[in-house]
Amino acid sequence: MTGRRSHSGVLDVLHRLSEHGLVKRVQLNRGYLFTLNRDHLAAEAVDLLMNLRIKLFQSIQGEIAKWEIDPVHASVYGSTARGDGDTDSDIDLLIVRPAQIALDEQRWQAQVDGLREQIEAWTGNRTSIADVSEPELAKLRRQKRPIIGELGADAITVFGSALTALLEAA
């Protein structure tokens, strides 16, 4: 969870957190075992912060569940799905709309735009939505576009059919 941080830097932070009582530290031979002190007043906040990505996925799912026109599929991919994004990272979302819904369909576009605005309000990160129809997804797969490889590697379904099933059907 610490990403590309140095071992000594992480250790310094853990020692400071143990001085404040938020983390319990037990010395084992020449190393330490650190655990969250769940009795600490701030432990609940730490849990919340550590699960923000899951909360984001659940919030996206909840918003889409309210839509008048359901998508066939929605998934988060890229750095947000991998868990290695930062404050400068986009939140990448794939939405597959039903074949009979045109990209410029006003109700559809209002839903997608509203979701983009909501995600940006929740996170402060720019949100990029790839909005494709079922036939367009099939075409992307046939053309072996790079996005298909990226989706296959790290996409996390937040609504609808599993992406692997959609790609196989395509």
Protein backbone atom coordinates (compact mmCIF):
# COMPACT_ATOMS: atom_id res chain seq x y z
CA MET A 1 0.00 0.00 0.00
CA THR A 2 2.97 2.31 0.35
CA GLY A 3 3.75 2.25 -3.35
CA ARG A 4 7.21 3.41 -4.29
CA ARG A 5 8.11 4.81 -0.89
CA SER A 6 11.42 3.90 0.72
CA HIS A 7 11.48 1.23 3.40
CA SER A 8 13.19 3.58 5.86
CA GLY A 9 10.64 6.34 5.19
CA VAL A 10 7.73 3.98 5.81
CA LEU A 11 9.39 2.69 8.96
CA ASP A 12 9.84 6.26 10.25
CA VAL A 13 6.13 6.97 9.74
CA LEU A 14 5.13 3.74 11.48
CA HIS A 15 7.34 4.55 14.46
CA ARG A 16 5.76 8.03 14.70
CA LEU A 17 2.26 6.54 14.51
CA SER A 18 3.17 4.12 17.29
CA GLU A 19 4.34 7.06 19.43
CA HIS A 20 0.84 8.51 19.05
CA GLY A 21 -0.76 5.18 19.91
CA LEU A 22 -2.51 4.72 16.57
CA VAL A 23 -0.25 1.81 15.70
CA LYS A 24 0.90 -0.94 18.05
CA ARG A 25 4.57 -1.88 17.67
CA VAL A 26 6.07 -5.18 18.79
CA GLN A 27 9.77 -5.87 18.38
CA LEU A 28 10.55 -9.28 16.88
CA ASN A 29 14.27 -10.05 16.80
CA ARG A 30 15.73 -7.25 14.67
CA GLY A 31 12.43 -6.16 13.13
CA TYR A 32 9.04 -4.87 14.17
CA LEU A 33 5.45 -5.97 13.74
CA PHE A 34 3.00 -3.08 13.36
CA THR A 35 -0.76 -3.35 13.74
CA LEU A 36 -3.52 -0.78 13.81
CA ASN A 37 -4.72 -0.04 17.34
CA ARG A 38 -8.45 -0.47 16.73
CA ASP A 39 -9.22 1.05 20.14
CA HIS A 40 -7.69 4.38 19.10
CA LEU A 41 -10.16 7.19 18.41
CA ALA A 42 -8.68 7.70 14.92
CA ALA A 43 -8.80 4.00 13.93
CA GLU A 44 -12.22 4.38 12.32
CA ALA A 45 -10.94 7.26 10.18
CA VAL A 46 -7.91 5.21 9.13
CA ASP A 47 -10.19 2.33 8.11
CA LEU A 48 -12.33 4.72 6.09
CA LEU A 49 -9.30 6.17 4.32
CA MET A 50 -7.85 2.74 3.60
CA ASN A 51 -11.10 1.65 1.95
CA LEU A 52 -11.79 4.75 -0.16
CA ARG A 53 -11.28 2.87 -3.43
CA ILE A 54 -13.90 0.28 -2.47
CA LYS A 55 -16.22 3.08 -1.34
CA LEU A 56 -15.73 4.76 -4.73
CA PHE A 57 -16.65 1.55 -6.59
CA GLN A 58 -19.75 1.11 -4.42
CA SER A 59 -20.75 4.74 -4.95
CA ILE A 60 -20.41 4.44 -8.73
CA GLN A 61 -22.50 1.29 -8.65
CA GLY A 62 -25.15 3.03 -6.56
CA GLU A 63 -25.34 6.01 -8.92
CA ILE A 64 -25.67 3.82 -12.01
CA ALA A 65 -28.38 1.75 -10.31
CA LYS A 66 -30.51 4.93 -10.26
CA TRP A 67 -30.23 5.47 -14.02
CA GLU A 68 -33.32 5.49 -16.20
CA ILE A 69 -31.41 3.70 -19.00
CA ASP A 70 -29.22 0.89 -17.66
CA PRO A 71 -25.82 0.30 -19.19
CA VAL A 72 -24.90 -3.22 -20.24
CA HIS A 73 -21.66 -2.87 -18.30
CA ALA A 74 -19.53 -0.41 -16.33
CA SER A 75 -16.02 -0.94 -15.04
CA VAL A 76 -13.19 1.05 -13.54
CA TYR A 77 -9.79 0.47 -15.14
CA GLY A 78 -6.31 1.96 -15.15
CA SER A 79 -4.53 3.28 -12.07
CA THR A 80 -7.71 3.48 -9.98
CA ALA A 81 -8.47 -0.20 -10.59
CA ARG A 82 -4.86 -1.18 -9.90
CA GLY A 83 -4.75 0.98 -6.77
CA ASP A 84 -1.61 2.84 -7.82
CA GLY A 85 -3.13 6.21 -8.75
CA ASP A 86 -2.42 9.50 -7.06
CA THR A 87 -3.89 12.99 -6.95
CA ASP A 88 -2.85 13.63 -10.56
CA SER A 89 -4.37 10.40 -11.91
CA ASP A 90 -7.55 10.27 -13.94
CA ILE A 91 -10.32 7.94 -12.87
CA ASP A 92 -10.95 5.82 -15.97
CA LEU A 93 -14.37 4.31 -16.46
CA LEU A 94 -15.72 2.15 -19.29
CA ILE A 95 -19.46 2.25 -19.86
CA VAL A 96 -21.03 -0.05 -22.43
CA ARG A 97 -24.41 1.21 -23.56
CA PRO A 98 -27.10 -0.96 -25.14
CA ALA A 99 -26.87 -1.26 -28.94
CA GLN A 100 -30.16 0.59 -29.46
CA ILE A 101 -29.04 3.69 -27.51
CA ALA A 102 -27.26 6.32 -29.60
CA LEU A 103 -24.28 8.19 -28.15
CA ASP A 104 -26.12 11.50 -28.53
CA GLU A 105 -29.33 10.25 -26.87
CA GLN A 106 -30.11 13.11 -24.50
CA ARG A 107 -31.22 11.06 -21.47
CA TRP A 108 -28.21 8.76 -21.83
CA GLN A 109 -25.76 11.62 -22.15
CA ALA A 110 -27.25 13.38 -19.11
CA GLN A 111 -26.70 10.22 -17.04
CA VAL A 112 -23.07 9.83 -18.16
CA ASP A 113 -22.29 13.52 -17.65
CA GLY A 114 -23.93 13.45 -14.22
CA LEU A 115 -21.84 10.44 -13.20
CA ARG A 116 -18.65 12.14 -14.36
CA GLU A 117 -19.47 15.24 -12.33
CA GLN A 118 -20.37 13.14 -9.28
CA ILE A 119 -17.12 11.13 -9.38
CA GLU A 120 -15.11 14.34 -9.69
CA ALA A 121 -16.99 15.82 -6.72
CA TRP A 122 -16.37 12.68 -4.65
CA THR A 123 -12.66 12.41 -5.46
CA GLY A 124 -11.30 15.69 -6.79
CA ASN A 125 -9.80 13.72 -9.68
CA ARG A 126 -10.55 14.25 -13.36
CA THR A 127 -12.78 11.45 -14.68
CA SER A 128 -12.41 9.97 -18.17
CA ILE A 129 -15.35 7.93 -19.39
CA ALA A 130 -15.05 5.68 -22.44
CA ASP A 131 -18.68 5.43 -23.56
CA VAL A 132 -19.07 2.68 -26.18
CA SER A 133 -21.97 0.69 -27.53
CA GLU A 134 -22.01 -3.10 -27.59
CA PRO A 135 -21.18 -3.16 -31.35
CA GLU A 136 -18.37 -0.62 -30.82
CA LEU A 137 -16.90 -2.83 -28.08
CA ALA A 138 -16.94 -5.78 -30.49
CA LYS A 139 -15.18 -3.65 -33.13
CA LEU A 140 -12.51 -2.55 -30.62
CA ARG A 141 -11.89 -6.19 -29.75
CA ARG A 142 -11.64 -7.26 -33.42
CA GLN A 143 -9.21 -4.41 -34.09
CA LYS A 144 -7.16 -5.44 -31.02
CA ARG A 145 -7.12 -1.87 -29.73
CA PRO A 146 -4.79 -1.20 -26.76
CA ILE A 147 -7.73 -0.34 -24.50
CA ILE A 148 -8.93 -3.95 -24.77
CA GLY A 149 -5.64 -5.22 -23.37
CA GLU A 150 -5.72 -2.66 -20.57
CA LEU A 151 -9.30 -3.58 -19.71
CA GLY A 152 -8.45 -7.27 -19.71
CA ALA A 153 -5.51 -6.64 -17.38
CA ASP A 154 -7.10 -4.52 -14.68
CA ALA A 155 -10.78 -3.66 -15.18
CA ILE A 156 -13.03 -4.04 -12.15
CA THR A 157 -16.72 -4.45 -12.95
CA VAL A 158 -18.93 -2.09 -10.96
CA PHE A 159 -22.19 -2.68 -12.82
CA GLY A 160 -23.76 -5.21 -15.16
CA SER A 161 -22.31 -8.19 -16.95
CA ALA A 162 -18.70 -9.23 -16.40
CA LEU A 163 -16.38 -7.67 -18.97
CA THR A 164 -14.80 -11.01 -19.85
CA ALA A 165 -18.23 -12.37 -20.83
CA LEU A 166 -18.95 -9.29 -22.96
CA LEU A 167 -15.58 -9.52 -24.73
CA GLU A 168 -16.07 -13.21 -25.41
CA ALA A 169 -19.53 -12.54 -26.82
CA ALA A 170 -18.09 -9.75 -28.95
